[in-house]
Every structure is written in C-alpha cells, then in structure tokens.
Amino acid sequence: MVEERQGDYRHRSRVSCKLRKFRAAARQAGLDANVWFGNVELGAAEVAGLTPVQYVGNIYKYYISYQLAVERLDAGRKAREDTGAEKRR
C-alpha cells in the first residue's frame, strides 16, 4: 500500500515537472503559461513532441462530446416533464 502511494507520488511528480517545462517554454515564447490550447500546447510540442498535445486534444474532444450528450439528455428529460409525457407512462 505504501509502495503504491510512493509510486503514485513519483508519477505525479514527473508529470508536474513536465508541465513546468511546457509552461516555461510557452513563457519563453511570449505565450500565456496558464492557457493550454494555443499556448502551453505549443511549448509541449517543442519540449516533448506531438504525443502529449494529441493526447490532451483527444481527451478534450471526449469531454466536449460527453458534455453535449448530457445536455441533450437533460433537455429531452425536461421537455418530457414539461409536456407531461412522463406522467402518461
């Protein structure tokens, strides 16, 4: 259990170190180090290549897709409640 925590801590520490490098590269290029898209992602591409940039982009696309799906489900549920469709079943 303790070894798992230490491994997790080391992993987070490495990720944090990489993010600091990405942000520093963005700052050096005169970009906003607090904004990923169009800023830190360019530093990441310079420091580590396209893999982390593509990874974050893919995660963001999934996030947006799920958000839209939830909104659509909520809108449908609300429309059914407003029309009384739920009560008729």
C-alpha atoms as a PDB file:
ATOM      1  CA  MET A   1       0.000   0.000   0.000  1.00  0.00           C
ATOM      2  CA  VAL A   2       2.750   2.455   0.928  1.00  0.00           C
ATOM      3  CA  GLU A   3       4.735   1.433  -2.150  1.00  0.00           C
ATOM      4  CA  GLU A   4       1.694   2.175  -4.342  1.00  0.00           C
ATOM      5  CA  ARG A   5       1.412   5.650  -2.843  1.00  0.00           C
ATOM      6  CA  GLN A   6       5.102   6.309  -3.378  1.00  0.00           C
ATOM      7  CA  GLY A   7       4.832   5.194  -6.998  1.00  0.00           C
ATOM      8  CA  ASP A   8       1.785   7.401  -7.493  1.00  0.00           C
ATOM      9  CA  TYR A   9       3.621  10.336  -5.924  1.00  0.00           C
ATOM     10  CA  ARG A  10       6.639   9.798  -8.189  1.00  0.00           C
ATOM     11  CA  HIS A  11       4.401   9.647 -11.259  1.00  0.00           C
ATOM     12  CA  ARG A  12       2.615  12.886 -10.291  1.00  0.00           C
ATOM     13  CA  SER A  13       5.970  14.481  -9.590  1.00  0.00           C
ATOM     14  CA  ARG A  14       7.258  13.567 -13.087  1.00  0.00           C
ATOM     15  CA  VAL A  15       4.079  14.872 -14.711  1.00  0.00           C
ATOM     16  CA  SER A  16       4.311  18.073 -12.712  1.00  0.00           C
ATOM     17  CA  CYS A  17       7.945  18.510 -13.777  1.00  0.00           C
ATOM     18  CA  LYS A  18       6.998  18.062 -17.433  1.00  0.00           C
ATOM     19  CA  LEU A  19       4.168  20.561 -17.128  1.00  0.00           C
ATOM     20  CA  ARG A  20       6.565  23.092 -15.615  1.00  0.00           C
ATOM     21  CA  LYS A  21       8.857  22.616 -18.614  1.00  0.00           C
ATOM     22  CA  PHE A  22       5.951  23.031 -21.042  1.00  0.00           C
ATOM     23  CA  ARG A  23       4.808  26.192 -19.289  1.00  0.00           C
ATOM     24  CA  ALA A  24       8.333  27.591 -19.198  1.00  0.00           C
ATOM     25  CA  ALA A  25       8.692  27.008 -22.941  1.00  0.00           C
ATOM     26  CA  ALA A  26       5.390  28.817 -23.508  1.00  0.00           C
ATOM     27  CA  ARG A  27       6.501  31.746 -21.339  1.00  0.00           C
ATOM     28  CA  GLN A  28       9.792  31.916 -23.199  1.00  0.00           C
ATOM     29  CA  ALA A  29       7.866  32.164 -26.472  1.00  0.00           C
ATOM     30  CA  GLY A  30       5.818  35.043 -25.049  1.00  0.00           C
ATOM     31  CA  LEU A  31       2.662  32.935 -24.628  1.00  0.00           C
ATOM     32  CA  ASP A  32       0.255  32.583 -21.712  1.00  0.00           C
ATOM     33  CA  ALA A  33       1.576  29.819 -19.463  1.00  0.00           C
ATOM     34  CA  ASN A  34      -1.858  29.392 -17.836  1.00  0.00           C
ATOM     35  CA  VAL A  35      -3.770  28.500 -21.009  1.00  0.00           C
ATOM     36  CA  TRP A  36      -3.217  25.123 -22.679  1.00  0.00           C
ATOM     37  CA  PHE A  37      -4.730  25.496 -26.158  1.00  0.00           C
ATOM     38  CA  GLY A  38      -2.697  27.746 -28.422  1.00  0.00           C
ATOM     39  CA  ASN A  39      -0.182  28.474 -25.655  1.00  0.00           C
ATOM     40  CA  VAL A  40       1.233  25.744 -23.412  1.00  0.00           C
ATOM     41  CA  GLU A  41       0.441  23.121 -26.057  1.00  0.00           C
ATOM     42  CA  LEU A  42       2.999  24.815 -28.316  1.00  0.00           C
ATOM     43  CA  GLY A  43       5.580  24.587 -25.527  1.00  0.00           C
ATOM     44  CA  ALA A  44       4.675  20.941 -25.006  1.00  0.00           C
ATOM     45  CA  ALA A  45       5.121  20.212 -28.714  1.00  0.00           C
ATOM     46  CA  GLU A  46       8.523  21.879 -28.620  1.00  0.00           C
ATOM     47  CA  VAL A  47       9.688  20.051 -25.485  1.00  0.00           C
ATOM     48  CA  ALA A  48       8.113  16.596 -25.860  1.00  0.00           C
ATOM     49  CA  GLY A  49       6.735  16.340 -29.381  1.00  0.00           C
ATOM     50  CA  LEU A  50       3.161  15.938 -30.533  1.00  0.00           C
ATOM     51  CA  THR A  51       2.156  12.955 -28.393  1.00  0.00           C
ATOM     52  CA  PRO A  52       1.097  14.900 -25.258  1.00  0.00           C
ATOM     53  CA  VAL A  53      -0.556  17.572 -27.418  1.00  0.00           C
ATOM     54  CA  GLN A  54      -2.619  14.981 -29.280  1.00  0.00           C
ATOM     55  CA  TYR A  55      -3.452  13.175 -26.029  1.00  0.00           C
ATOM     56  CA  VAL A  56      -4.845  16.324 -24.391  1.00  0.00           C
ATOM     57  CA  GLY A  57      -6.712  17.229 -27.584  1.00  0.00           C
ATOM     58  CA  ASN A  58      -8.342  13.792 -27.694  1.00  0.00           C
ATOM     59  CA  ILE A  59      -9.326  13.941 -24.011  1.00  0.00           C
ATOM     60  CA  TYR A  60     -10.831  17.387 -24.571  1.00  0.00           C
ATOM     61  CA  LYS A  61     -12.858  16.121 -27.540  1.00  0.00           C
ATOM     62  CA  TYR A  62     -14.282  13.304 -25.390  1.00  0.00           C
ATOM     63  CA  TYR A  63     -15.067  15.787 -22.620  1.00  0.00           C
ATOM     64  CA  ILE A  64     -16.980  18.045 -25.021  1.00  0.00           C
ATOM     65  CA  SER A  65     -18.828  15.057 -26.529  1.00  0.00           C
ATOM     66  CA  TYR A  66     -19.949  13.843 -23.104  1.00  0.00           C
ATOM     67  CA  GLN A  67     -20.974  17.349 -22.033  1.00  0.00           C
ATOM     68  CA  LEU A  68     -23.114  17.719 -25.167  1.00  0.00           C
ATOM     69  CA  ALA A  69     -24.656  14.287 -24.618  1.00  0.00           C
ATOM     70  CA  VAL A  70     -25.560  15.151 -21.025  1.00  0.00           C
ATOM     71  CA  GLU A  71     -27.069  18.477 -22.102  1.00  0.00           C
ATOM     72  CA  ARG A  72     -29.111  16.742 -24.791  1.00  0.00           C
ATOM     73  CA  LEU A  73     -30.390  14.104 -22.366  1.00  0.00           C
ATOM     74  CA  ASP A  74     -31.277  16.785 -19.824  1.00  0.00           C
ATOM     75  CA  ALA A  75     -33.103  18.846 -22.465  1.00  0.00           C
ATOM     76  CA  GLY A  76     -35.099  15.792 -23.560  1.00  0.00           C
ATOM     77  CA  ARG A  77     -35.948  14.920 -19.970  1.00  0.00           C
ATOM     78  CA  LYS A  78     -37.070  18.489 -19.278  1.00  0.00           C
ATOM     79  CA  ALA A  79     -39.175  18.589 -22.453  1.00  0.00           C
ATOM     80  CA  ARG A  80     -40.907  15.342 -21.465  1.00  0.00           C
ATOM     81  CA  GLU A  81     -41.588  16.695 -17.971  1.00  0.00           C
ATOM     82  CA  ASP A  82     -42.954  19.967 -19.372  1.00  0.00           C
ATOM     83  CA  THR A  83     -45.359  18.159 -21.693  1.00  0.00           C
ATOM     84  CA  GLY A  84     -46.419  15.643 -19.095  1.00  0.00           C
ATOM     85  CA  ALA A  85     -45.094  12.725 -21.138  1.00  0.00           C
ATOM     86  CA  GLU A  86     -43.518  11.180 -18.056  1.00  0.00           C
ATOM     87  CA  LYS A  87     -46.888  11.079 -16.268  1.00  0.00           C
ATOM     88  CA  ARG A  88     -48.654   9.261 -19.100  1.00  0.00           C
ATOM     89  CA  ARG A  89     -46.414   6.228 -18.934  1.00  0.00           C
END
